PDB file of N, CA and C in Angstrom:
ATOM      1  N   MET A   1       0.812  -1.183   0.000  1.00  0.00           N
ATOM      2  CA  MET A   1       0.000   0.000   0.000  1.00  0.00           C
ATOM      3  C   MET A   1       0.867   1.262   0.000  1.00  0.00           C
ATOM      4  N   SER A   2       2.028   1.250   0.667  1.00  0.00           N
ATOM      5  CA  SER A   2       2.872   2.436   0.729  1.00  0.00           C
ATOM      6  C   SER A   2       3.494   2.736  -0.641  1.00  0.00           C
ATOM      7  N   LYS A   3       3.749   1.701  -1.461  1.00  0.00           N
ATOM      8  CA  LYS A   3       4.286   1.927  -2.802  1.00  0.00           C
ATOM      9  C   LYS A   3       3.235   2.627  -3.663  1.00  0.00           C
ATOM     10  N   PHE A   4       1.975   2.272  -3.471  1.00  0.00           N
ATOM     11  CA  PHE A   4       0.887   2.911  -4.212  1.00  0.00           C
ATOM     12  C   PHE A   4       0.781   4.388  -3.835  1.00  0.00           C
ATOM     13  N   LYS A   5       0.890   4.698  -2.534  1.00  0.00           N
ATOM     14  CA  LYS A   5       0.816   6.089  -2.082  1.00  0.00           C
ATOM     15  C   LYS A   5       1.993   6.892  -2.630  1.00  0.00           C
ATOM     16  N   LEU A   6       3.177   6.284  -2.612  1.00  0.00           N
ATOM     17  CA  LEU A   6       4.364   6.960  -3.122  1.00  0.00           C
ATOM     18  C   LEU A   6       4.221   7.233  -4.616  1.00  0.00           C
ATOM     19  N   ALA A   7       3.746   6.287  -5.389  1.00  0.00           N
ATOM     20  CA  ALA A   7       3.548   6.465  -6.822  1.00  0.00           C
ATOM     21  C   ALA A   7       2.486   7.527  -7.086  1.00  0.00           C
ATOM     22  N   PHE A   8       1.420   7.524  -6.289  1.00  0.00           N
ATOM     23  CA  PHE A   8       0.354   8.511  -6.447  1.00  0.00           C
ATOM     24  C   PHE A   8       0.874   9.914  -6.139  1.00  0.00           C
ATOM     25  N   LEU A   9       1.630  10.082  -5.056  1.00  0.00           N
ATOM     26  CA  LEU A   9       2.187  11.388  -4.700  1.00  0.00           C
ATOM     27  C   LEU A   9       3.175  11.886  -5.743  1.00  0.00           C
ATOM     28  N   MET A  10       3.972  10.985  -6.282  1.00  0.00           N
ATOM     29  CA  MET A  10       4.925  11.389  -7.323  1.00  0.00           C
ATOM     30  C   MET A  10       4.195  11.823  -8.592  1.00  0.00           C
ATOM     31  N   THR A  11       3.096  11.140  -8.918  1.00  0.00           N
ATOM     32  CA  THR A  11       2.316  11.519 -10.097  1.00  0.00           C
ATOM     33  C   THR A  11       1.680  12.883  -9.908  1.00  0.00           C
ATOM     34  N   VAL A  12       1.120  13.119  -8.723  1.00  0.00           N
ATOM     35  CA  VAL A  12       0.505  14.417  -8.435  1.00  0.00           C
ATOM     36  C   VAL A  12       1.565  15.516  -8.476  1.00  0.00           C
ATOM     37  N   ALA A  13       2.732  15.264  -7.906  1.00  0.00           N
ATOM     38  CA  ALA A  13       3.813  16.242  -7.917  1.00  0.00           C
ATOM     39  C   ALA A  13       4.269  16.533  -9.343  1.00  0.00           C
ATOM     40  N   LEU A  14       4.301  15.512 -10.176  1.00  0.00           N
ATOM     41  CA  LEU A  14       4.680  15.698 -11.573  1.00  0.00           C
ATOM     42  C   LEU A  14       3.705  16.616 -12.289  1.00  0.00           C
ATOM     43  N   PHE A  15       2.405  16.421 -12.067  1.00  0.00           N
ATOM     44  CA  PHE A  15       1.399  17.279 -12.693  1.00  0.00           C
ATOM     45  C   PHE A  15       1.487  18.709 -12.178  1.00  0.00           C
ATOM     46  N   ILE A  16       1.727  18.879 -10.895  1.00  0.00           N
ATOM     47  CA  ILE A  16       1.823  20.225 -10.335  1.00  0.00           C
ATOM     48  C   ILE A  16       3.043  20.950 -10.883  1.00  0.00           C
ATOM     49  N   LEU A  17       4.172  20.259 -10.921  1.00  0.00           N
ATOM     50  CA  LEU A  17       5.379  20.896 -11.430  1.00  0.00           C
ATOM     51  C   LEU A  17       5.304  21.177 -12.925  1.00  0.00           C
ATOM     52  N   SER A  18       4.651  20.327 -13.667  1.00  0.00           N
ATOM     53  CA  SER A  18       4.543  20.571 -15.104  1.00  0.00           C
ATOM     54  C   SER A  18       3.604  21.738 -15.386  1.00  0.00           C
ATOM     55  N   ALA A  19       2.636  21.972 -14.506  1.00  0.00           N
ATOM     56  CA  ALA A  19       1.739  23.106 -14.683  1.00  0.00           C
ATOM     57  C   ALA A  19       2.470  24.423 -14.431  1.00  0.00           C
ATOM     58  N   CYS A  20       3.493  24.394 -13.599  1.00  0.00           N
ATOM     59  CA  CYS A  20       4.251  25.611 -13.282  1.00  0.00           C
ATOM     60  C   CYS A  20       5.365  25.875 -14.283  1.00  0.00           C
ATOM     61  N   ALA A  21       5.616  24.963 -15.178  1.00  0.00           N
ATOM     62  CA  ALA A  21       6.715  25.128 -16.127  1.00  0.00           C
ATOM     63  C   ALA A  21       6.424  26.301 -17.050  1.00  0.00           C
ATOM     64  N   THR A  22       7.488  26.990 -17.430  1.00  0.00           N
ATOM     65  CA  THR A  22       7.317  28.121 -18.339  1.00  0.00           C
ATOM     66  C   THR A  22       7.205  27.627 -19.762  1.00  0.00           C
ATOM     67  N   LYS A  23       6.400  28.312 -20.510  1.00  0.00           N
ATOM     68  CA  LYS A  23       6.231  27.956 -21.917  1.00  0.00           C
ATOM     69  C   LYS A  23       7.329  28.628 -22.722  1.00  0.00           C
ATOM     70  N   PRO A  24       7.809  28.021 -23.796  1.00  0.00           N
ATOM     71  CA  PRO A  24       8.838  28.665 -24.611  1.00  0.00           C
ATOM     72  C   PRO A  24       8.262  29.920 -25.263  1.00  0.00           C
ATOM     73  N   PRO A  25       9.062  30.962 -25.366  1.00  0.00           N
ATOM     74  CA  PRO A  25       8.545  32.203 -25.953  1.00  0.00           C
ATOM     75  C   PRO A  25       8.223  32.007 -27.425  1.00  0.00           C
ATOM     76  N   THR A  26       7.151  32.610 -27.834  1.00  0.00           N
ATOM     77  CA  THR A  26       6.786  32.557 -29.246  1.00  0.00           C
ATOM     78  C   THR A  26       7.505  33.685 -29.961  1.00  0.00           C
ATOM     79  N   GLU A  27       7.847  33.462 -31.188  1.00  0.00           N
ATOM     80  CA  GLU A  27       8.551  34.478 -31.953  1.00  0.00           C
ATOM     81  C   GLU A  27       7.574  35.546 -32.398  1.00  0.00           C
ATOM     82  N   ALA A  28       7.949  36.790 -32.149  1.00  0.00           N
ATOM     83  CA  ALA A  28       7.121  37.919 -32.562  1.00  0.00           C
ATOM     84  C   ALA A  28       7.317  38.134 -34.059  1.00  0.00           C
ATOM     85  N   PRO A  29       6.283  38.543 -34.736  1.00  0.00           N
ATOM     86  CA  PRO A  29       6.450  38.803 -36.163  1.00  0.00           C
ATOM     87  C   PRO A  29       7.408  39.973 -36.378  1.00  0.00           C
ATOM     88  N   ILE A  30       8.160  39.905 -37.417  1.00  0.00           N
ATOM     89  CA  ILE A  30       9.135  40.944 -37.729  1.00  0.00           C
ATOM     90  C   ILE A  30       8.392  42.179 -38.206  1.00  0.00           C
ATOM     91  N   GLU A  31       8.668  43.288 -37.532  1.00  0.00           N
ATOM     92  CA  GLU A  31       8.016  44.532 -37.914  1.00  0.00           C
ATOM     93  C   GLU A  31       8.842  45.206 -38.997  1.00  0.00           C
ATOM     94  N   THR A  32       8.181  45.650 -40.030  1.00  0.00           N
ATOM     95  CA  THR A  32       8.871  46.335 -41.105  1.00  0.00           C
ATOM     96  C   THR A  32       8.432  47.786 -41.119  1.00  0.00           C
ATOM     97  N   LEU A  33       9.353  48.642 -41.491  1.00  0.00           N
ATOM     98  CA  LEU A  33       9.032  50.055 -41.584  1.00  0.00           C
ATOM     99  C   LEU A  33       8.266  50.294 -42.875  1.00  0.00           C
ATOM    100  N   PRO A  34       7.305  51.196 -42.832  1.00  0.00           N
ATOM    101  CA  PRO A  34       6.577  51.478 -44.074  1.00  0.00           C
ATOM    102  C   PRO A  34       7.511  52.145 -45.083  1.00  0.00           C
ATOM    103  N   THR A  35       7.313  51.820 -46.325  1.00  0.00           N
ATOM    104  CA  THR A  35       8.153  52.392 -47.367  1.00  0.00           C
ATOM    105  C   THR A  35       7.766  53.848 -47.573  1.00  0.00           C
ATOM    106  N   THR A  36       8.751  54.671 -47.862  1.00  0.00           N
ATOM    107  CA  THR A  36       8.483  56.089 -48.098  1.00  0.00           C
ATOM    108  C   THR A  36       8.803  56.414 -49.542  1.00  0.00           C
ATOM    109  N   THR A  37       8.116  57.372 -50.035  1.00  0.00           N
ATOM    110  CA  THR A  37       8.369  57.806 -51.404  1.00  0.00           C
ATOM    111  C   THR A  37       9.331  58.977 -51.366  1.00  0.00           C
ATOM    112  N   ALA A  38       9.803  59.385 -52.496  1.00  0.00           N
ATOM    113  CA  ALA A  38      10.763  60.481 -52.591  1.00  0.00           C
ATOM    114  C   ALA A  38      10.172  61.785 -52.075  1.00  0.00           C
ATOM    115  N   GLU A  39       8.859  61.953 -52.187  1.00  0.00           N
ATOM    116  CA  GLU A  39       8.225  63.184 -51.741  1.00  0.00           C
ATOM    117  C   GLU A  39       8.185  63.285 -50.224  1.00  0.00           C
ATOM    118  N   GLU A  40       8.164  62.150 -49.520  1.00  0.00           N
ATOM    119  CA  GLU A  40       8.029  62.150 -48.072  1.00  0.00           C
ATOM    120  C   GLU A  40       9.356  62.235 -47.340  1.00  0.00           C
ATOM    121  N   THR A  41      10.474  62.069 -48.026  1.00  0.00           N
ATOM    122  CA  THR A  41      11.762  62.072 -47.332  1.00  0.00           C
ATOM    123  C   THR A  41      12.115  63.491 -46.908  1.00  0.00           C
ATOM    124  N   PRO A  42      12.637  63.653 -45.691  1.00  0.00           N
ATOM    125  CA  PRO A  42      13.001  64.988 -45.221  1.00  0.00           C
ATOM    126  C   PRO A  42      14.273  65.477 -45.902  1.00  0.00           C
ATOM    127  N   GLU A  43      14.449  66.765 -45.873  1.00  0.00           N
ATOM    128  CA  GLU A  43      15.647  67.358 -46.456  1.00  0.00           C
ATOM    129  C   GLU A  43      16.859  66.989 -45.610  1.00  0.00           C
ATOM    130  N   ALA A  44      18.010  67.032 -46.212  1.00  0.00           N
ATOM    131  CA  ALA A  44      19.242  66.716 -45.496  1.00  0.00           C
ATOM    132  C   ALA A  44      19.457  67.756 -44.400  1.00  0.00           C
ATOM    133  N   VAL A  45      19.880  67.284 -43.235  1.00  0.00           N
ATOM    134  CA  VAL A  45      20.103  68.183 -42.113  1.00  0.00           C
ATOM    135  C   VAL A  45      21.463  68.837 -42.295  1.00  0.00           C
ATOM    136  N   VAL A  46      21.473  70.142 -42.202  1.00  0.00           N
ATOM    137  CA  VAL A  46      22.712  70.888 -42.360  1.00  0.00           C
ATOM    138  C   VAL A  46      23.315  71.055 -40.969  1.00  0.00           C
ATOM    139  N   SER A  47      24.593  70.672 -40.823  1.00  0.00           N
ATOM    140  CA  SER A  47      25.222  70.779 -39.507  1.00  0.00           C
ATOM    141  C   SER A  47      25.472  72.240 -39.180  1.00  0.00           C
ATOM    142  N   ALA A  48      25.342  72.585 -37.904  1.00  0.00           N
ATOM    143  CA  ALA A  48      25.527  73.959 -37.461  1.00  0.00           C
ATOM    144  C   ALA A  48      27.002  74.321 -37.403  1.00  0.00           C
ATOM    145  N   VAL A  49      27.874  73.330 -37.234  1.00  0.00           N
ATOM    146  CA  VAL A  49      29.311  73.578 -37.131  1.00  0.00           C
ATOM    147  C   VAL A  49      29.978  73.099 -38.414  1.00  0.00           C
ATOM    148  N   PRO A  50      30.725  73.966 -39.069  1.00  0.00           N
ATOM    149  CA  PRO A  50      31.418  73.514 -40.287  1.00  0.00           C
ATOM    150  C   PRO A  50      32.509  72.508 -39.947  1.00  0.00           C
ATOM    151  N   ASP A  51      32.873  71.687 -40.917  1.00  0.00           N
ATOM    152  CA  ASP A  51      33.866  70.638 -40.713  1.00  0.00           C
ATOM    153  C   ASP A  51      35.230  71.193 -40.320  1.00  0.00           C
ATOM    154  N   THR A  52      35.574  72.367 -40.816  1.00  0.00           N
ATOM    155  CA  THR A  52      36.878  72.938 -40.493  1.00  0.00           C
ATOM    156  C   THR A  52      36.966  73.310 -39.020  1.00  0.00           C
ATOM    157  N   GLU A  53      35.846  73.623 -38.402  1.00  0.00           N
ATOM    158  CA  GLU A  53      35.842  73.962 -36.979  1.00  0.00           C
ATOM    159  C   GLU A  53      36.210  72.746 -36.141  1.00  0.00           C
ATOM    160  N   CYS A  54      35.755  71.561 -36.522  1.00  0.00           N
ATOM    161  CA  CYS A  54      36.090  70.340 -35.789  1.00  0.00           C
ATOM    162  C   CYS A  54      37.591  70.089 -35.824  1.00  0.00           C
ATOM    163  N   VAL A  55      38.177  70.204 -36.987  1.00  0.00           N
ATOM    164  CA  VAL A  55      39.610  69.950 -37.132  1.00  0.00           C
ATOM    165  C   VAL A  55      40.406  70.978 -36.342  1.00  0.00           C
ATOM    166  N   SER A  56      40.017  72.234 -36.414  1.00  0.00           N
ATOM    167  CA  SER A  56      40.779  73.266 -35.709  1.00  0.00           C
ATOM    168  C   SER A  56      40.637  73.113 -34.199  1.00  0.00           C
ATOM    169  N   CYS A  57      39.482  72.686 -33.719  1.00  0.00           N
ATOM    170  CA  CYS A  57      39.282  72.511 -32.287  1.00  0.00           C
ATOM    171  C   CYS A  57      40.069  71.314 -31.765  1.00  0.00           C
ATOM    172  N   HIS A  58      40.069  70.227 -32.474  1.00  0.00           N
ATOM    173  CA  HIS A  58      40.743  69.018 -32.018  1.00  0.00           C
ATOM    174  C   HIS A  58      42.255  69.066 -32.185  1.00  0.00           C
ATOM    175  N   THR A  59      42.757  69.984 -32.966  1.00  0.00           N
ATOM    176  CA  THR A  59      44.200  70.085 -33.131  1.00  0.00           C
ATOM    177  C   THR A  59      44.800  71.208 -32.303  1.00  0.00           C
ATOM    178  N   ASP A  60      43.993  72.075 -31.696  1.00  0.00           N
ATOM    179  CA  ASP A  60      44.479  73.167 -30.863  1.00  0.00           C
ATOM    180  C   ASP A  60      44.666  72.653 -29.437  1.00  0.00           C
ATOM    181  N   LYS A  61      45.925  72.491 -29.010  1.00  0.00           N
ATOM    182  CA  LYS A  61      46.230  71.883 -27.718  1.00  0.00           C
ATOM    183  C   LYS A  61      45.702  72.720 -26.555  1.00  0.00           C
ATOM    184  N   GLN A  62      45.891  74.024 -26.586  1.00  0.00           N
ATOM    185  CA  GLN A  62      45.445  74.872 -25.489  1.00  0.00           C
ATOM    186  C   GLN A  62      43.917  74.869 -25.378  1.00  0.00           C
ATOM    187  N   ARG A  63      43.222  74.844 -26.496  1.00  0.00           N
ATOM    188  CA  ARG A  63      41.762  74.810 -26.484  1.00  0.00           C
ATOM    189  C   ARG A  63      41.254  73.499 -25.874  1.00  0.00           C
ATOM    190  N   LEU A  64      41.951  72.391 -26.167  1.00  0.00           N
ATOM    191  CA  LEU A  64      41.582  71.105 -25.582  1.00  0.00           C
ATOM    192  C   LEU A  64      41.798  71.106 -24.076  1.00  0.00           C
ATOM    193  N   ILE A  65      42.891  71.704 -23.621  1.00  0.00           N
ATOM    194  CA  ILE A  65      43.171  71.771 -22.185  1.00  0.00           C
ATOM    195  C   ILE A  65      42.117  72.619 -21.475  1.00  0.00           C
ATOM    196  N   ASP A  66      41.727  73.734 -22.094  1.00  0.00           N
ATOM    197  CA  ASP A  66      40.747  74.631 -21.476  1.00  0.00           C
ATOM    198  C   ASP A  66      39.366  73.989 -21.368  1.00  0.00           C
ATOM    199  N   THR A  67      38.979  73.178 -22.336  1.00  0.00           N
ATOM    200  CA  THR A  67      37.626  72.614 -22.345  1.00  0.00           C
ATOM    201  C   THR A  67      37.554  71.204 -21.781  1.00  0.00           C
ATOM    202  N   ALA A  68      38.684  70.635 -21.388  1.00  0.00           N
ATOM    203  CA  ALA A  68      38.690  69.257 -20.891  1.00  0.00           C
ATOM    204  C   ALA A  68      38.039  69.186 -19.510  1.00  0.00           C
ATOM    205  N   ALA A  69      37.391  68.069 -19.226  1.00  0.00           N
ATOM    206  CA  ALA A  69      36.777  67.848 -17.917  1.00  0.00           C
ATOM    207  C   ALA A  69      37.871  67.422 -16.945  1.00  0.00           C
ATOM    208  N   LEU A  70      37.758  67.877 -15.695  1.00  0.00           N
ATOM    209  CA  LEU A  70      38.733  67.514 -14.691  1.00  0.00           C
ATOM    210  C   LEU A  70      38.582  66.059 -14.301  1.00  0.00           C
ATOM    211  N   VAL A  71      39.718  65.385 -14.088  1.00  0.00           N
ATOM    212  CA  VAL A  71      39.701  63.983 -13.683  1.00  0.00           C
ATOM    213  C   VAL A  71      39.644  63.943 -12.165  1.00  0.00           C
ATOM    214  N   VAL A  72      38.613  63.307 -11.628  1.00  0.00           N
ATOM    215  CA  VAL A  72      38.442  63.206 -10.185  1.00  0.00           C
ATOM    216  C   VAL A  72      38.750  61.775  -9.781  1.00  0.00           C
ATOM    217  N   GLU A  73      39.706  61.623  -8.875  1.00  0.00           N
ATOM    218  CA  GLU A  73      40.075  60.299  -8.398  1.00  0.00           C
ATOM    219  C   GLU A  73      39.030  59.823  -7.404  1.00  0.00           C
ATOM    220  N   ALA A  74      38.391  58.714  -7.671  1.00  0.00           N
ATOM    221  CA  ALA A  74      37.410  58.140  -6.760  1.00  0.00           C
ATOM    222  C   ALA A  74      38.137  57.329  -5.707  1.00  0.00           C
ATOM    223  N   GLU A  75      37.593  57.315  -4.497  1.00  0.00           N
ATOM    224  CA  GLU A  75      38.197  56.554  -3.424  1.00  0.00           C
ATOM    225  C   GLU A  75      38.058  55.072  -3.727  1.00  0.00           C
ATOM    226  N   GLY A  76      39.150  54.346  -3.576  1.00  0.00           N
ATOM    227  CA  GLY A  76      39.131  52.912  -3.866  1.00  0.00           C
ATOM    228  C   GLY A  76      38.251  52.152  -2.908  1.00  0.00           C
ATOM    229  N   GLU A  77      37.808  51.001  -3.314  1.00  0.00           N
ATOM    230  CA  GLU A  77      36.932  50.180  -2.475  1.00  0.00           C
ATOM    231  C   GLU A  77      37.686  49.565  -1.307  1.00  0.00           C
ATOM    232  N   SER A  78      39.004  49.467  -1.415  1.00  0.00           N
ATOM    233  CA  SER A  78      39.754  48.823  -0.351  1.00  0.00           C
ATOM    234  C   SER A  78      40.112  49.793   0.772  1.00  0.00           C
ATOM    235  N   LYS A  79      39.829  51.073   0.599  1.00  0.00           N
ATOM    236  CA  LYS A  79      40.126  52.061   1.621  1.00  0.00           C
ATOM    237  C   LYS A  79      38.926  52.249   2.541  1.00  0.00           C
ATOM    238  N   GLY A  80      39.198  52.745   3.726  1.00  0.00           N
ATOM    239  CA  GLY A  80      38.122  53.072   4.650  1.00  0.00           C
ATOM    240  C   GLY A  80      37.908  51.999   5.688  1.00  0.00           C
ATOM    241  N   VAL A  81      36.931  52.258   6.548  1.00  0.00           N
ATOM    242  CA  VAL A  81      36.614  51.346   7.631  1.00  0.00           C
ATOM    243  C   VAL A  81      35.811  50.181   7.074  1.00  0.00           C
ATOM    244  N   GLY A  82      36.105  49.004   7.511  1.00  0.00           N
ATOM    245  CA  GLY A  82      35.304  47.917   6.997  1.00  0.00           C
ATOM    246  C   GLY A  82      35.836  46.641   7.402  1.00  0.00           C
TER     247      GLY A  82
END
């Protein structure tokens, strides 16, 4: 009789655990962007800064030093009370 109870409990546990199992995710359909015609395309964005300004700014050493962010040393994790 105890083997029957054990088999019955294992079967019930199997059904309970299988009910809690996660289902595999279903694949979502691939979303496509609607096609646009030549009339709907926006005009090219004109940059506010000319290309020569980028080169002159990045090659001017003093200007880079003046605009650079200060490096702040963070306290290490091994320092302090603990």
